[in-house]
Amino acid sequence: MTENENIGIALCDKWDEQKYGVNSDESSNMKLIEYLKTKYLVHYTFDSYEEYNMEYVYNNRFNLFPEEQSFRFILIKKVYYFKDRCFALRHQGIVKFQRLWKRYYSDKLKRCKNIKRLMMRQITGRKI
């Protein structure tokens, strides 16, 4: 298994048995097939945002894989090779930040919508 560190953006797709196929050795191993279905298959990697912006978006502005709706750009931590396929580990930083932000604002809205606090705001005209 070969690894590359510090790659930022990649064009990936979830691995699928019908779309990408399996060889005769792998077809009998259902555990391996189920494991591969959870992985992101890399189609193209960009070393930096500038390369992604200039090279890919401007050249393919009108042709962003219309036949493949499952392709998506993701932030990745690492690229590795497993069973002669190139996979990526997804970077979870943005997902964790979004979860944190969502939890914070849902708690804040619960406090603001509290009946006692609403009544106090009506009476006093200020937040407590």
N, C-alpha and C. Protein backbone atom coordinates (compact mmCIF):
# COMPACT_ATOMS: atom_id res chain seq x y z
N MET A 1 0.85 -1.17 0.00
CA MET A 1 0.00 0.00 0.00
C MET A 1 0.90 1.23 0.00
N THR A 2 0.78 2.05 -1.04
CA THR A 2 1.56 3.26 -1.18
C THR A 2 0.72 4.44 -0.75
N GLU A 3 1.36 5.45 -0.12
CA GLU A 3 0.62 6.59 0.38
C GLU A 3 1.23 7.90 -0.08
N ASN A 4 0.40 8.91 -0.29
CA ASN A 4 0.82 10.28 -0.56
C ASN A 4 0.15 11.17 0.47
N GLU A 5 0.92 12.04 1.12
CA GLU A 5 0.39 12.93 2.16
C GLU A 5 0.13 14.32 1.60
N ASN A 6 -0.71 15.09 2.29
CA ASN A 6 -0.94 16.51 2.05
C ASN A 6 -1.47 16.84 0.66
N ILE A 7 -2.44 16.13 0.21
CA ILE A 7 -3.11 16.48 -1.04
C ILE A 7 -4.44 17.09 -0.66
N GLY A 8 -4.78 18.20 -1.29
CA GLY A 8 -5.94 18.97 -0.85
C GLY A 8 -7.27 18.58 -1.44
N ILE A 9 -7.47 18.73 -2.73
CA ILE A 9 -8.78 18.55 -3.36
C ILE A 9 -8.69 17.39 -4.35
N ALA A 10 -9.75 16.58 -4.40
CA ALA A 10 -9.78 15.46 -5.33
C ALA A 10 -11.19 15.30 -5.90
N LEU A 11 -11.24 14.82 -7.11
CA LEU A 11 -12.50 14.45 -7.75
C LEU A 11 -12.71 12.97 -7.45
N CYS A 12 -13.72 12.65 -6.64
CA CYS A 12 -13.90 11.29 -6.15
C CYS A 12 -15.31 10.79 -6.43
N ASP A 13 -15.44 9.48 -6.27
CA ASP A 13 -16.72 8.82 -6.40
C ASP A 13 -16.71 7.64 -5.43
N LYS A 14 -17.86 7.32 -4.87
CA LYS A 14 -17.95 6.13 -4.04
C LYS A 14 -17.74 4.91 -4.93
N TRP A 15 -16.95 3.96 -4.46
CA TRP A 15 -16.69 2.76 -5.25
C TRP A 15 -17.96 1.93 -5.32
N ASP A 16 -18.26 1.42 -6.52
CA ASP A 16 -19.45 0.61 -6.73
C ASP A 16 -19.07 -0.61 -7.54
N GLU A 17 -19.62 -1.74 -7.16
CA GLU A 17 -19.29 -3.01 -7.81
C GLU A 17 -19.73 -3.03 -9.28
N GLN A 18 -20.92 -2.53 -9.57
CA GLN A 18 -21.41 -2.53 -10.95
C GLN A 18 -20.67 -1.52 -11.82
N LYS A 19 -20.32 -0.38 -11.26
CA LYS A 19 -19.70 0.68 -12.04
C LYS A 19 -18.23 0.41 -12.32
N TYR A 20 -17.49 -0.04 -11.30
CA TYR A 20 -16.04 -0.20 -11.43
C TYR A 20 -15.59 -1.65 -11.52
N GLY A 21 -16.45 -2.59 -11.20
CA GLY A 21 -16.16 -4.00 -11.40
C GLY A 21 -15.21 -4.60 -10.38
N VAL A 22 -15.17 -5.93 -10.39
CA VAL A 22 -14.27 -6.69 -9.54
C VAL A 22 -13.63 -7.79 -10.39
N ASN A 23 -12.46 -8.26 -9.96
CA ASN A 23 -11.86 -9.37 -10.70
C ASN A 23 -12.34 -10.69 -10.12
N SER A 24 -11.92 -11.80 -10.70
CA SER A 24 -12.43 -13.11 -10.31
C SER A 24 -12.06 -13.48 -8.87
N ASP A 25 -10.90 -13.02 -8.39
CA ASP A 25 -10.50 -13.32 -7.01
C ASP A 25 -11.37 -12.58 -6.00
N GLU A 26 -11.76 -11.37 -6.32
CA GLU A 26 -12.52 -10.53 -5.40
C GLU A 26 -14.02 -10.83 -5.42
N SER A 27 -14.51 -11.44 -6.48
CA SER A 27 -15.96 -11.62 -6.61
C SER A 27 -16.54 -12.55 -5.55
N SER A 28 -15.75 -13.47 -5.03
CA SER A 28 -16.25 -14.39 -4.01
C SER A 28 -16.11 -13.83 -2.60
N ASN A 29 -15.33 -12.77 -2.42
CA ASN A 29 -15.07 -12.20 -1.10
C ASN A 29 -16.05 -11.05 -0.83
N MET A 30 -17.17 -11.35 -0.20
CA MET A 30 -18.20 -10.34 0.05
C MET A 30 -17.77 -9.32 1.08
N LYS A 31 -16.93 -9.72 2.04
CA LYS A 31 -16.43 -8.76 3.03
C LYS A 31 -15.62 -7.67 2.36
N LEU A 32 -14.78 -8.05 1.41
CA LEU A 32 -13.96 -7.09 0.69
C LEU A 32 -14.83 -6.15 -0.14
N ILE A 33 -15.84 -6.67 -0.79
CA ILE A 33 -16.73 -5.85 -1.62
C ILE A 33 -17.49 -4.85 -0.75
N GLU A 34 -17.99 -5.28 0.40
CA GLU A 34 -18.69 -4.37 1.31
C GLU A 34 -17.74 -3.31 1.86
N TYR A 35 -16.50 -3.68 2.11
CA TYR A 35 -15.50 -2.72 2.59
C TYR A 35 -15.20 -1.68 1.52
N LEU A 36 -15.03 -2.12 0.27
CA LEU A 36 -14.72 -1.20 -0.81
C LEU A 36 -15.87 -0.23 -1.09
N LYS A 37 -17.09 -0.64 -0.83
CA LYS A 37 -18.24 0.23 -1.06
C LYS A 37 -18.24 1.45 -0.14
N THR A 38 -17.50 1.40 0.95
CA THR A 38 -17.43 2.53 1.87
C THR A 38 -16.32 3.50 1.52
N LYS A 39 -15.52 3.22 0.51
CA LYS A 39 -14.33 4.01 0.18
C LYS A 39 -14.59 4.95 -1.00
N TYR A 40 -13.78 6.03 -1.04
CA TYR A 40 -13.85 7.01 -2.12
C TYR A 40 -12.77 6.70 -3.15
N LEU A 41 -13.17 6.41 -4.37
CA LEU A 41 -12.25 6.14 -5.47
C LEU A 41 -11.84 7.45 -6.10
N VAL A 42 -10.55 7.68 -6.23
CA VAL A 42 -10.03 8.94 -6.74
C VAL A 42 -9.93 8.89 -8.26
N HIS A 43 -10.50 9.91 -8.93
CA HIS A 43 -10.37 10.03 -10.37
C HIS A 43 -9.30 11.05 -10.76
N TYR A 44 -9.19 12.11 -9.95
CA TYR A 44 -8.17 13.12 -10.25
C TYR A 44 -7.88 13.89 -8.97
N THR A 45 -6.61 14.23 -8.75
CA THR A 45 -6.22 15.00 -7.57
C THR A 45 -5.63 16.34 -8.00
N PHE A 46 -5.86 17.35 -7.18
CA PHE A 46 -5.31 18.68 -7.40
C PHE A 46 -4.39 18.99 -6.23
N ASP A 47 -3.17 19.46 -6.52
CA ASP A 47 -2.21 19.73 -5.47
C ASP A 47 -2.53 20.98 -4.68
N SER A 48 -3.21 21.93 -5.28
CA SER A 48 -3.54 23.17 -4.58
C SER A 48 -4.86 23.70 -5.12
N TYR A 49 -5.39 24.68 -4.41
CA TYR A 49 -6.64 25.30 -4.85
C TYR A 49 -6.44 26.04 -6.17
N GLU A 50 -5.29 26.66 -6.34
CA GLU A 50 -5.03 27.40 -7.58
C GLU A 50 -5.04 26.46 -8.78
N GLU A 51 -4.45 25.28 -8.61
CA GLU A 51 -4.45 24.31 -9.71
C GLU A 51 -5.87 23.85 -10.00
N TYR A 52 -6.64 23.60 -8.95
CA TYR A 52 -8.03 23.20 -9.13
C TYR A 52 -8.82 24.28 -9.85
N ASN A 53 -8.65 25.51 -9.41
CA ASN A 53 -9.41 26.63 -9.95
C ASN A 53 -9.03 26.88 -11.41
N MET A 54 -7.75 26.97 -11.70
CA MET A 54 -7.31 27.31 -13.05
C MET A 54 -7.47 26.15 -14.02
N GLU A 55 -6.94 25.01 -13.64
CA GLU A 55 -6.85 23.90 -14.59
C GLU A 55 -8.19 23.25 -14.85
N TYR A 56 -8.95 22.98 -13.83
CA TYR A 56 -10.15 22.18 -14.02
C TYR A 56 -11.39 23.01 -14.30
N VAL A 57 -11.67 23.96 -13.45
CA VAL A 57 -12.93 24.69 -13.57
C VAL A 57 -12.98 25.51 -14.84
N TYR A 58 -11.91 26.23 -15.16
CA TYR A 58 -11.93 27.08 -16.36
C TYR A 58 -11.93 26.25 -17.64
N ASN A 59 -11.22 25.13 -17.65
CA ASN A 59 -11.20 24.31 -18.86
C ASN A 59 -12.47 23.51 -19.05
N ASN A 60 -13.12 23.11 -17.97
CA ASN A 60 -14.32 22.28 -18.06
C ASN A 60 -15.54 23.00 -17.50
N ARG A 61 -15.63 24.25 -17.73
CA ARG A 61 -16.69 25.08 -17.17
C ARG A 61 -18.08 24.58 -17.56
N PHE A 62 -18.22 24.14 -18.81
CA PHE A 62 -19.53 23.74 -19.29
C PHE A 62 -19.71 22.23 -19.35
N ASN A 63 -18.65 21.48 -19.06
CA ASN A 63 -18.74 20.03 -19.16
C ASN A 63 -18.24 19.40 -17.86
N LEU A 64 -18.99 19.54 -16.80
CA LEU A 64 -18.60 18.98 -15.50
C LEU A 64 -19.22 17.59 -15.32
N PHE A 65 -18.83 16.67 -16.15
CA PHE A 65 -19.29 15.28 -16.09
C PHE A 65 -20.81 15.18 -15.99
N PRO A 66 -21.54 15.59 -17.01
CA PRO A 66 -23.00 15.51 -16.92
C PRO A 66 -23.51 14.09 -16.81
N GLU A 67 -22.76 13.10 -17.33
CA GLU A 67 -23.22 11.72 -17.26
C GLU A 67 -22.97 11.10 -15.89
N GLU A 68 -22.08 11.68 -15.10
CA GLU A 68 -21.76 11.13 -13.79
C GLU A 68 -22.21 12.08 -12.69
N GLN A 69 -23.38 11.88 -12.16
CA GLN A 69 -23.90 12.73 -11.10
C GLN A 69 -23.28 12.40 -9.75
N SER A 70 -22.67 11.23 -9.63
CA SER A 70 -22.13 10.81 -8.33
C SER A 70 -20.72 11.35 -8.08
N PHE A 71 -20.06 11.91 -9.09
CA PHE A 71 -18.73 12.50 -8.88
C PHE A 71 -18.87 13.74 -8.01
N ARG A 72 -17.91 13.92 -7.10
CA ARG A 72 -17.92 15.14 -6.29
C ARG A 72 -16.51 15.50 -5.88
N PHE A 73 -16.33 16.78 -5.61
CA PHE A 73 -15.05 17.29 -5.15
C PHE A 73 -15.05 17.22 -3.63
N ILE A 74 -14.01 16.63 -3.06
CA ILE A 74 -13.91 16.55 -1.62
C ILE A 74 -12.51 16.94 -1.18
N LEU A 75 -12.41 17.40 0.07
CA LEU A 75 -11.11 17.65 0.67
C LEU A 75 -10.58 16.33 1.21
N ILE A 76 -9.33 16.05 0.90
CA ILE A 76 -8.78 14.77 1.33
C ILE A 76 -7.51 14.98 2.14
N LYS A 77 -7.23 14.01 3.03
CA LYS A 77 -6.02 14.03 3.83
C LYS A 77 -4.92 13.22 3.17
N LYS A 78 -5.31 12.09 2.62
CA LYS A 78 -4.31 11.14 2.16
C LYS A 78 -4.86 10.34 0.97
N VAL A 79 -3.98 9.99 0.05
CA VAL A 79 -4.31 9.10 -1.06
C VAL A 79 -3.53 7.81 -0.85
N TYR A 80 -4.20 6.68 -1.01
CA TYR A 80 -3.52 5.40 -0.86
C TYR A 80 -4.01 4.42 -1.92
N TYR A 81 -3.20 3.40 -2.18
CA TYR A 81 -3.52 2.39 -3.18
C TYR A 81 -3.82 1.07 -2.47
N PHE A 82 -4.97 0.47 -2.81
CA PHE A 82 -5.38 -0.78 -2.22
C PHE A 82 -5.95 -1.64 -3.33
N LYS A 83 -5.43 -2.82 -3.50
CA LYS A 83 -5.87 -3.75 -4.57
C LYS A 83 -5.85 -3.07 -5.94
N ASP A 84 -4.76 -2.37 -6.24
CA ASP A 84 -4.54 -1.69 -7.52
C ASP A 84 -5.59 -0.62 -7.83
N ARG A 85 -6.16 -0.03 -6.78
CA ARG A 85 -7.11 1.07 -6.95
C ARG A 85 -6.64 2.23 -6.08
N CYS A 86 -6.92 3.44 -6.54
CA CYS A 86 -6.50 4.63 -5.81
C CYS A 86 -7.68 5.16 -5.00
N PHE A 87 -7.54 5.17 -3.67
CA PHE A 87 -8.58 5.63 -2.77
C PHE A 87 -8.09 6.84 -1.99
N ALA A 88 -9.02 7.55 -1.35
CA ALA A 88 -8.67 8.73 -0.57
C ALA A 88 -9.34 8.68 0.79
N LEU A 89 -8.64 9.23 1.79
CA LEU A 89 -9.23 9.45 3.10
C LEU A 89 -9.77 10.86 3.14
N ARG A 90 -11.02 10.99 3.46
CA ARG A 90 -11.69 12.28 3.47
C ARG A 90 -11.25 13.11 4.67
N HIS A 91 -11.06 14.39 4.46
CA HIS A 91 -10.72 15.31 5.55
C HIS A 91 -12.01 15.73 6.24
N GLN A 92 -12.11 15.48 7.53
CA GLN A 92 -13.35 15.71 8.26
C GLN A 92 -13.43 17.07 8.94
N GLY A 93 -12.46 17.95 8.73
CA GLY A 93 -12.43 19.23 9.42
C GLY A 93 -13.65 20.08 9.18
N ILE A 94 -14.06 20.24 7.94
CA ILE A 94 -15.23 21.07 7.62
C ILE A 94 -16.51 20.44 8.14
N VAL A 95 -16.60 19.13 8.04
CA VAL A 95 -17.80 18.43 8.53
C VAL A 95 -17.93 18.61 10.04
N LYS A 96 -16.82 18.48 10.76
CA LYS A 96 -16.85 18.67 12.22
C LYS A 96 -17.21 20.11 12.57
N PHE A 97 -16.67 21.07 11.83
CA PHE A 97 -16.98 22.48 12.07
C PHE A 97 -18.46 22.76 11.83
N GLN A 98 -19.03 22.20 10.77
CA GLN A 98 -20.45 22.41 10.47
C GLN A 98 -21.32 21.82 11.57
N ARG A 99 -20.95 20.62 12.06
CA ARG A 99 -21.70 20.01 13.14
C ARG A 99 -21.66 20.86 14.41
N LEU A 100 -20.47 21.37 14.73
CA LEU A 100 -20.30 22.23 15.90
C LEU A 100 -21.14 23.49 15.78
N TRP A 101 -21.10 24.13 14.62
CA TRP A 101 -21.84 25.36 14.37
C TRP A 101 -23.35 25.11 14.45
N LYS A 102 -23.81 24.01 13.88
CA LYS A 102 -25.22 23.67 13.89
C LYS A 102 -25.71 23.43 15.32
N ARG A 103 -24.92 22.70 16.11
CA ARG A 103 -25.28 22.43 17.50
C ARG A 103 -25.32 23.73 18.32
N TYR A 104 -24.34 24.61 18.10
CA TYR A 104 -24.29 25.87 18.84
C TYR A 104 -25.53 26.72 18.55
N TYR A 105 -25.88 26.88 17.27
CA TYR A 105 -27.01 27.73 16.93
C TYR A 105 -28.35 27.09 17.27
N SER A 106 -28.45 25.78 17.26
CA SER A 106 -29.71 25.16 17.69
C SER A 106 -29.92 25.38 19.17
N ASP A 107 -28.84 25.30 19.97
CA ASP A 107 -28.96 25.59 21.40
C ASP A 107 -29.30 27.06 21.64
N LYS A 108 -28.69 27.94 20.86
CA LYS A 108 -28.95 29.37 21.01
C LYS A 108 -30.41 29.69 20.67
N LEU A 109 -30.94 29.07 19.61
CA LEU A 109 -32.34 29.30 19.24
C LEU A 109 -33.29 28.75 20.28
N LYS A 110 -32.94 27.62 20.91
CA LYS A 110 -33.79 27.08 21.97
C LYS A 110 -33.90 28.06 23.13
N ARG A 111 -32.76 28.69 23.46
CA ARG A 111 -32.79 29.68 24.55
C ARG A 111 -33.63 30.89 24.15
N CYS A 112 -33.49 31.35 22.92
CA CYS A 112 -34.23 32.54 22.48
C CYS A 112 -35.73 32.28 22.36
N LYS A 113 -36.12 31.05 22.06
CA LYS A 113 -37.54 30.72 21.89
C LYS A 113 -38.21 30.28 23.19
N ASN A 114 -37.45 30.26 24.27
CA ASN A 114 -38.00 29.88 25.56
C ASN A 114 -39.10 30.87 25.95
N ILE A 115 -40.23 30.35 26.44
CA ILE A 115 -41.39 31.17 26.75
C ILE A 115 -41.07 32.21 27.83
N LYS A 116 -40.36 31.81 28.86
CA LYS A 116 -40.03 32.75 29.94
C LYS A 116 -39.17 33.89 29.41
N ARG A 117 -38.22 33.56 28.57
CA ARG A 117 -37.35 34.60 28.01
C ARG A 117 -38.12 35.52 27.07
N LEU A 118 -39.05 34.96 26.29
CA LEU A 118 -39.87 35.78 25.40
C LEU A 118 -40.72 36.76 26.19
N MET A 119 -41.31 36.29 27.29
CA MET A 119 -42.12 37.17 28.12
C MET A 119 -41.28 38.27 28.76
N MET A 120 -40.09 37.93 29.23
CA MET A 120 -39.20 38.94 29.83
C MET A 120 -38.78 39.98 28.81
N ARG A 121 -38.55 39.54 27.55
CA ARG A 121 -38.18 40.48 26.50
C ARG A 121 -39.33 41.43 26.18
N GLN A 122 -40.56 40.88 26.22
CA GLN A 122 -41.72 41.73 25.97
C GLN A 122 -41.89 42.78 27.08
N ILE A 123 -41.68 42.36 28.29
CA ILE A 123 -41.89 43.26 29.43
C ILE A 123 -40.76 44.28 29.54
N THR A 124 -39.51 43.81 29.49
CA THR A 124 -38.38 44.70 29.74
C THR A 124 -37.79 45.31 28.47
N GLY A 125 -37.96 44.65 27.34
CA GLY A 125 -37.41 45.18 26.10
C GLY A 125 -35.93 44.88 25.90
N ARG A 126 -35.37 43.96 26.67
CA ARG A 126 -33.96 43.59 26.48
C ARG A 126 -33.78 42.10 26.70
N LYS A 127 -32.69 41.58 26.14
CA LYS A 127 -32.39 40.15 26.29
C LYS A 127 -31.81 39.89 27.67
N ILE A 128 -32.13 38.73 28.18
CA ILE A 128 -31.56 38.31 29.47
C ILE A 128 -30.76 37.06 29.27
